[in-house]
Amino acid sequence: MTSSPVSRSGPAIVRITDVAALAGVSPGTASKALNDTGQLRAETRERVRRAAEQLGFTPDGRGRALSSGRSYTVGLVTTDSSGRFSIPIMLGAEDALSAGEMALLLCDTRDDPLRERHYVRTLLARRVDGIIVTGRRTESRPPISVPIPVVYAFSASTDPADASVVCDDRGGATAAVEHLLGIGRTAIAHVTGPQRHRSAAERAAAAVESAGPAFRGPVLHGEWSERWGRNAVDLLLRSAHEVDAICCGSDQIARGVCDRLRELGRSVPQDVAVTGFDNWDVMALASRPPLTTLDMELEELGRTAARMLLDAVAGRPHRGTVELPTRLVVRGSTLAD
């Protein structure tokens, strides 16, 4: 029986020749099997992989990179210093990249174009196989010009030919309003962020269209903050319209709305149902009551971006923008216990 090579000082480094010997193949065949190259039978590859696992063989990353012409690393360039959006995207991307035994390098530009250019140059110097570009806003952004594959996540590229993955803001707002209509609400207001922000404009347009005759306007635009949500309630109650539901453009706004309604003696959801957008647990779960909201599925967005990048690295680039659906999460702010 073949065993792992040992030395007097402890276990020795397991080499490809040891794996080949245990699997009964040549070192070249063992290398091809572990690097998923060459034309080998499936059973041969599996036998080599089992031998490598049994011996605890760790491939030499430098040798793998030299033989393949790749670094097996990917850069993630983000403007989102807080990590609110980039961290879940990064986690999803790592899930997809780990299947290809690839590592991810995170670069926070702090929304500084000079810092972004520095990081892009650094990533190119490290010979990364590709770059994922993301941020904290959904507005389209100028593309970066590099000789390697790039995928834009959450913030699309302004070049329609580039590969981009974004959330379906309109579909999410539509789902929120349809939920409110489905539970019998007939007078729906919409409170959201700055009108200049794409996400606010898209969600507002969809909410108004979906509500139809049940909409009570105008759309109230303000900050992405709890303070604005509180102020918006005062504006609504001073208007001529009575509302029984408020569809909000973010969880922060929705939490402020719930707090102010409660202070004024209005019960949520019995008197006024409230929905948010983001499914940010810091806000959605801490709200009283917990918020019905739209989950943007950011981890899935990151996984999709990474898969698209892997395809591009393999010579199968994607073109254009892909919209991923959001998911409605129903909680106490629309359905009473």
Protein backbone atom coordinates (compact mmCIF):
# COMPACT_ATOMS: atom_id res chain seq x y z
CA MET A 1 0.00 0.00 0.00
CA THR A 2 1.33 3.43 -0.92
CA SER A 3 1.47 6.01 1.88
CA SER A 4 2.30 9.69 2.09
CA PRO A 5 6.03 10.43 2.04
CA VAL A 6 7.38 11.35 5.47
CA SER A 7 10.58 12.69 6.92
CA ARG A 8 12.04 12.50 10.39
CA SER A 9 10.77 16.02 11.07
CA GLY A 10 7.20 15.19 10.07
CA PRO A 11 5.13 14.90 6.89
CA ALA A 12 6.93 15.94 3.73
CA ILE A 13 5.49 18.03 0.93
CA VAL A 14 3.31 15.87 -1.29
CA ARG A 15 4.33 16.23 -4.93
CA ILE A 16 2.58 15.55 -8.19
CA THR A 17 4.77 12.48 -8.67
CA ASP A 18 3.34 11.01 -5.45
CA VAL A 19 -0.21 11.58 -6.69
CA ALA A 20 0.67 10.04 -10.06
CA ALA A 21 2.16 6.96 -8.41
CA LEU A 22 -0.88 6.39 -6.23
CA ALA A 23 -3.24 6.84 -9.19
CA GLY A 24 -1.14 4.65 -11.47
CA VAL A 25 -0.60 7.32 -14.14
CA SER A 26 2.28 9.46 -15.38
CA PRO A 27 3.01 12.84 -13.69
CA GLY A 28 1.92 14.58 -16.90
CA THR A 29 -1.43 12.82 -16.86
CA ALA A 30 -1.88 13.63 -13.17
CA SER A 31 -1.17 17.32 -13.88
CA LYS A 32 -3.70 17.41 -16.72
CA ALA A 33 -6.33 15.73 -14.57
CA LEU A 34 -5.91 18.18 -11.68
CA ASN A 35 -5.79 21.23 -13.97
CA ASP A 36 -8.79 19.98 -15.98
CA THR A 37 -6.84 20.11 -19.25
CA GLY A 38 -6.05 17.58 -21.95
CA GLN A 39 -8.19 14.78 -23.32
CA LEU A 40 -8.53 12.27 -20.52
CA ARG A 41 -11.20 9.77 -19.64
CA ALA A 42 -13.54 10.84 -16.85
CA GLU A 43 -12.56 7.82 -14.73
CA THR A 44 -8.87 8.74 -15.04
CA ARG A 45 -9.51 12.29 -13.85
CA GLU A 46 -11.58 11.00 -10.96
CA ARG A 47 -8.90 8.46 -9.95
CA VAL A 48 -6.25 11.18 -9.91
CA ARG A 49 -8.46 13.53 -7.89
CA ARG A 50 -9.18 10.82 -5.32
CA ALA A 51 -5.44 10.15 -5.02
CA ALA A 52 -4.73 13.86 -4.53
CA GLU A 53 -7.41 14.11 -1.86
CA GLN A 54 -6.12 11.00 -0.07
CA LEU A 55 -2.58 12.37 0.02
CA GLY A 56 -3.63 15.91 0.91
CA PHE A 57 -1.99 17.25 -2.24
CA THR A 58 -2.03 21.04 -2.61
CA PRO A 59 -1.33 22.26 -6.16
CA ASP A 60 1.43 24.80 -6.65
CA GLY A 61 -0.49 27.92 -7.64
CA ARG A 62 2.53 29.49 -9.29
CA GLY A 63 3.11 26.46 -11.48
CA ARG A 64 -0.57 26.31 -12.36
CA ALA A 65 -0.53 29.98 -13.34
CA LEU A 66 2.62 29.61 -15.42
CA SER A 67 1.34 26.56 -17.27
CA SER A 68 -2.05 28.10 -18.02
CA GLY A 69 -1.07 31.74 -18.57
CA ARG A 70 -3.61 32.78 -15.91
CA SER A 71 -3.31 34.12 -12.36
CA TYR A 72 -6.58 32.58 -11.08
CA THR A 73 -7.40 35.87 -9.38
CA VAL A 74 -10.18 38.38 -10.03
CA GLY A 75 -10.43 42.01 -8.95
CA LEU A 76 -13.58 43.51 -7.40
CA VAL A 77 -13.53 47.30 -7.73
CA THR A 78 -16.20 49.11 -5.69
CA THR A 79 -17.23 52.65 -4.73
CA ASP A 80 -19.25 51.34 -1.76
CA SER A 81 -17.01 52.06 1.24
CA SER A 82 -19.66 51.03 3.78
CA GLY A 83 -19.99 47.57 2.23
CA ARG A 84 -23.79 47.74 2.36
CA PHE A 85 -24.04 46.55 -1.26
CA SER A 86 -20.54 45.39 -2.14
CA ILE A 87 -20.11 42.85 0.68
CA PRO A 88 -23.11 40.66 -0.29
CA ILE A 89 -22.09 40.98 -3.94
CA MET A 90 -18.56 39.93 -3.00
CA LEU A 91 -19.85 36.93 -1.03
CA GLY A 92 -21.89 35.77 -3.99
CA ALA A 93 -18.99 36.27 -6.38
CA GLU A 94 -16.69 34.25 -4.12
CA ASP A 95 -19.20 31.38 -4.14
CA ALA A 96 -19.00 31.19 -7.92
CA LEU A 97 -15.26 31.82 -8.19
CA SER A 98 -14.33 29.22 -5.59
CA ALA A 99 -15.71 26.52 -7.88
CA GLY A 100 -12.92 27.45 -10.27
CA GLU A 101 -10.37 27.72 -7.44
CA MET A 102 -10.04 31.44 -8.05
CA ALA A 103 -9.32 34.15 -5.48
CA LEU A 104 -10.88 37.62 -5.30
CA LEU A 105 -9.07 40.90 -4.54
CA LEU A 106 -11.29 43.68 -3.13
CA CYS A 107 -10.42 47.30 -4.01
CA ASP A 108 -12.40 50.16 -2.41
CA THR A 109 -12.06 53.33 -4.49
CA ARG A 110 -14.00 55.51 -2.01
CA ASP A 111 -15.72 57.06 -5.03
CA ASP A 112 -12.43 58.66 -6.09
CA PRO A 113 -11.64 58.40 -9.84
CA LEU A 114 -7.89 58.74 -9.21
CA ARG A 115 -7.97 55.94 -6.66
CA GLU A 116 -9.98 53.80 -9.10
CA ARG A 117 -7.40 54.27 -11.84
CA HIS A 118 -4.63 53.36 -9.37
CA TYR A 119 -6.38 50.15 -8.36
CA VAL A 120 -7.10 49.17 -11.96
CA ARG A 121 -3.40 49.61 -12.82
CA THR A 122 -2.45 47.57 -9.75
CA LEU A 123 -4.81 44.75 -10.70
CA LEU A 124 -3.45 44.68 -14.24
CA ALA A 125 0.10 44.53 -12.85
CA ARG A 126 -0.98 41.52 -10.79
CA ARG A 127 -2.24 39.95 -14.02
CA VAL A 128 -5.77 39.29 -12.75
CA ASP A 129 -7.92 37.27 -15.12
CA GLY A 130 -10.80 39.75 -15.01
CA ILE A 131 -12.51 42.52 -13.02
CA ILE A 132 -15.97 42.94 -11.49
CA VAL A 133 -16.98 46.60 -11.06
CA THR A 134 -19.70 47.55 -8.55
CA GLY A 135 -20.82 50.41 -6.32
CA ARG A 136 -23.49 51.80 -4.03
CA ARG A 137 -25.70 53.43 -6.67
CA THR A 138 -27.69 52.00 -9.55
CA GLU A 139 -26.87 54.80 -11.99
CA SER A 140 -24.94 53.64 -15.04
CA ARG A 141 -21.24 54.46 -14.89
CA PRO A 142 -18.51 54.98 -17.51
CA PRO A 143 -16.71 51.76 -18.43
CA ILE A 144 -13.09 51.09 -17.57
CA SER A 145 -10.78 50.45 -20.50
CA VAL A 146 -8.67 47.35 -19.88
CA PRO A 147 -7.47 44.45 -22.07
CA ILE A 148 -9.16 41.81 -19.86
CA PRO A 149 -12.80 40.80 -19.28
CA VAL A 150 -14.94 43.12 -17.15
CA VAL A 151 -18.46 42.64 -15.74
CA TYR A 152 -20.45 45.46 -14.11
CA ALA A 153 -22.64 44.51 -11.14
CA PHE A 154 -25.44 46.61 -9.59
CA SER A 155 -24.24 49.70 -11.52
CA ALA A 156 -24.42 49.02 -15.25
CA SER A 157 -21.90 50.28 -17.78
CA THR A 158 -22.98 53.17 -19.99
CA ASP A 159 -21.73 51.11 -22.93
CA PRO A 160 -24.69 48.87 -23.89
CA ALA A 161 -22.28 46.30 -25.35
CA ASP A 162 -20.62 45.69 -21.97
CA ALA A 163 -21.73 42.85 -19.71
CA SER A 164 -23.78 44.23 -16.80
CA VAL A 165 -25.99 42.66 -14.10
CA VAL A 166 -28.54 44.84 -12.28
CA CYS A 167 -31.60 44.52 -10.05
CA ASP A 168 -35.09 44.85 -11.50
CA ASP A 169 -36.20 47.97 -9.60
CA ARG A 170 -39.43 48.36 -11.55
CA GLY A 171 -40.38 44.73 -11.02
CA GLY A 172 -39.74 45.05 -7.29
CA ALA A 173 -41.92 48.15 -6.88
CA THR A 174 -44.65 46.50 -8.93
CA ALA A 175 -44.58 43.45 -6.65
CA ALA A 176 -44.90 45.68 -3.56
CA VAL A 177 -47.93 47.53 -4.92
CA GLU A 178 -49.59 44.34 -6.15
CA HIS A 179 -49.16 42.91 -2.66
CA LEU A 180 -50.83 45.98 -1.14
CA LEU A 181 -53.71 45.76 -3.60
CA GLY A 182 -53.98 42.05 -2.90
CA ILE A 183 -54.57 42.65 0.82
CA GLY A 184 -57.34 45.11 0.04
CA ARG A 185 -55.62 48.49 0.17
CA THR A 186 -57.28 51.10 -2.02
CA ALA A 187 -55.39 54.35 -1.35
CA ILE A 188 -51.63 53.99 -1.85
CA ALA A 189 -48.96 56.70 -1.51
CA HIS A 190 -45.33 56.43 -2.59
CA VAL A 191 -42.42 57.92 -0.62
CA THR A 192 -38.92 57.55 -2.00
CA GLY A 193 -35.44 59.00 -2.43
CA PRO A 194 -34.05 61.82 -4.62
CA GLN A 195 -35.67 62.08 -8.04
CA ARG A 196 -32.24 62.30 -9.68
CA HIS A 197 -31.42 58.76 -8.55
CA ARG A 198 -32.26 56.10 -11.08
CA SER A 199 -33.52 53.64 -8.47
CA ALA A 200 -35.93 56.21 -6.99
CA ALA A 201 -37.26 57.22 -10.41
CA GLU A 202 -37.68 53.62 -11.61
CA ARG A 203 -39.42 52.45 -8.44
CA ALA A 204 -41.71 55.49 -8.39
CA ALA A 205 -42.76 55.08 -12.01
CA ALA A 206 -43.59 51.42 -11.48
CA ALA A 207 -45.47 52.09 -8.23
CA VAL A 208 -47.67 54.76 -9.84
CA GLU A 209 -48.39 52.59 -12.87
CA SER A 210 -49.16 49.49 -10.80
CA ALA A 211 -51.42 51.29 -8.34
CA GLY A 212 -53.55 52.83 -11.09
CA PRO A 213 -56.72 54.42 -9.61
CA ALA A 214 -55.55 53.50 -6.09
CA PHE A 215 -52.54 55.85 -6.30
CA ARG A 216 -52.67 58.97 -4.16
CA GLY A 217 -50.13 61.44 -5.49
CA PRO A 218 -47.89 63.12 -6.00
CA VAL A 219 -44.85 60.93 -5.43
CA LEU A 220 -42.92 62.33 -2.46
CA HIS A 221 -39.18 62.53 -3.20
CA GLY A 222 -36.62 63.23 -0.47
CA GLU A 223 -33.57 61.70 1.24
CA TRP A 224 -32.79 58.02 1.69
CA SER A 225 -33.30 58.40 5.45
CA GLU A 226 -35.57 57.66 8.38
CA ARG A 227 -35.90 61.40 8.98
CA TRP A 228 -37.39 61.86 5.52
CA GLY A 229 -39.82 59.00 6.14
CA ARG A 230 -41.05 60.73 9.30
CA ASN A 231 -41.41 64.08 7.54
CA ALA A 232 -43.22 62.47 4.62
CA VAL A 233 -45.92 61.13 6.95
CA ASP A 234 -46.60 64.66 8.21
CA LEU A 235 -46.89 65.87 4.61
CA LEU A 236 -49.28 63.07 3.72
CA LEU A 237 -51.53 63.67 6.71
CA ARG A 238 -51.72 67.39 5.90
CA SER A 239 -52.84 66.64 2.35
CA ALA A 240 -56.40 66.17 1.19
CA HIS A 241 -55.82 62.45 0.61
CA GLU A 242 -56.45 59.71 3.14
CA VAL A 243 -54.16 56.73 2.58
CA ASP A 244 -54.32 53.16 3.82
CA ALA A 245 -50.92 52.11 2.45
CA ILE A 246 -47.51 53.70 1.91
CA CYS A 247 -45.08 52.06 -0.52
CA CYS A 248 -41.55 53.24 0.27
CA GLY A 249 -38.43 53.32 -1.92
CA SER A 250 -36.12 52.04 0.82
CA ASP A 251 -36.18 50.32 4.21
CA GLN A 252 -34.72 53.42 5.90
CA ILE A 253 -37.61 55.54 4.66
CA ALA A 254 -40.14 52.85 5.58
CA ARG A 255 -38.83 52.56 9.13
CA GLY A 256 -39.18 56.32 9.59
CA VAL A 257 -42.71 56.11 8.20
CA CYS A 258 -43.66 53.37 10.69
CA ASP A 259 -42.17 55.28 13.62
CA ARG A 260 -44.06 58.47 12.81
CA LEU A 261 -47.35 56.70 12.18
CA ARG A 262 -47.06 55.00 15.55
CA GLU A 263 -46.29 58.33 17.27
CA LEU A 264 -49.43 59.81 15.72
CA GLY A 265 -51.61 56.96 16.92
CA ARG A 266 -51.94 55.24 13.54
CA SER A 267 -51.61 51.47 13.71
CA VAL A 268 -49.35 49.61 11.25
CA PRO A 269 -50.68 47.64 9.41
CA GLN A 270 -54.29 47.91 10.61
CA ASP A 271 -54.68 51.59 9.67
CA VAL A 272 -51.81 51.97 7.22
CA ALA A 273 -49.79 49.16 5.61
CA VAL A 274 -46.14 49.97 4.83
CA THR A 275 -43.61 48.38 2.48
CA GLY A 276 -39.88 49.01 2.12
CA PHE A 277 -37.23 48.11 -0.43
CA ASP A 278 -33.79 46.48 0.09
CA ASN A 279 -34.44 43.89 2.85
CA TRP A 280 -31.60 45.44 4.83
CA ASP A 281 -31.95 43.47 8.06
CA VAL A 282 -30.54 46.32 10.18
CA MET A 283 -33.62 48.33 9.20
CA ALA A 284 -36.24 45.79 8.16
CA LEU A 285 -36.05 43.54 11.22
CA ALA A 286 -35.57 46.35 13.75
CA SER A 287 -38.62 48.25 12.50
CA ARG A 288 -41.80 48.10 14.58
CA PRO A 289 -43.42 46.07 13.15
CA PRO A 290 -40.84 44.29 10.95
CA LEU A 291 -41.00 45.47 7.36
CA THR A 292 -42.51 43.83 4.35
CA THR A 293 -39.86 44.62 1.75
CA LEU A 294 -38.13 43.65 -1.48
CA ASP A 295 -34.90 41.66 -1.27
CA MET A 296 -32.55 42.67 -4.08
CA GLU A 297 -30.83 39.25 -3.89
CA LEU A 298 -27.38 40.85 -3.99
CA GLU A 299 -25.53 37.59 -3.37
CA GLU A 300 -27.20 36.05 -6.41
CA LEU A 301 -26.29 39.17 -8.36
CA GLY A 302 -22.65 38.65 -7.34
CA ARG A 303 -22.78 34.97 -8.29
CA THR A 304 -24.23 35.84 -11.69
CA ALA A 305 -21.59 38.51 -12.32
CA ALA A 306 -18.82 36.07 -11.42
CA ARG A 307 -20.23 33.33 -13.66
CA MET A 308 -20.42 35.80 -16.53
CA LEU A 309 -16.81 36.79 -15.89
CA LEU A 310 -15.71 33.15 -15.84
CA ASP A 311 -17.46 32.64 -19.17
CA ALA A 312 -15.63 35.65 -20.60
CA VAL A 313 -12.28 34.37 -19.34
CA ALA A 314 -13.06 31.07 -21.07
CA GLY A 315 -13.71 32.92 -24.33
CA ARG A 316 -17.51 33.11 -24.10
CA PRO A 317 -18.19 36.78 -23.31
CA HIS A 318 -21.67 38.10 -22.56
CA ARG A 319 -23.04 41.32 -24.04
CA GLY A 320 -25.67 43.70 -22.74
CA THR A 321 -27.50 44.13 -19.45
CA VAL A 322 -29.16 41.34 -17.46
CA GLU A 323 -31.90 42.27 -14.95
CA LEU A 324 -32.32 39.91 -12.01
CA PRO A 325 -35.68 39.73 -10.19
CA THR A 326 -36.17 40.88 -6.61
CA ARG A 327 -37.99 38.80 -3.98
CA LEU A 328 -40.94 40.02 -1.91
CA VAL A 329 -40.51 39.28 1.80
CA VAL A 330 -43.80 39.65 3.68
CA ARG A 331 -43.69 40.66 7.36
CA GLY A 332 -45.78 42.44 9.95
CA SER A 333 -45.92 45.90 8.37
CA THR A 334 -48.53 44.67 5.89
CA LEU A 335 -50.02 41.57 7.54
CA ALA A 336 -51.26 41.62 11.12
CA ASP A 337 -50.56 38.63 13.37
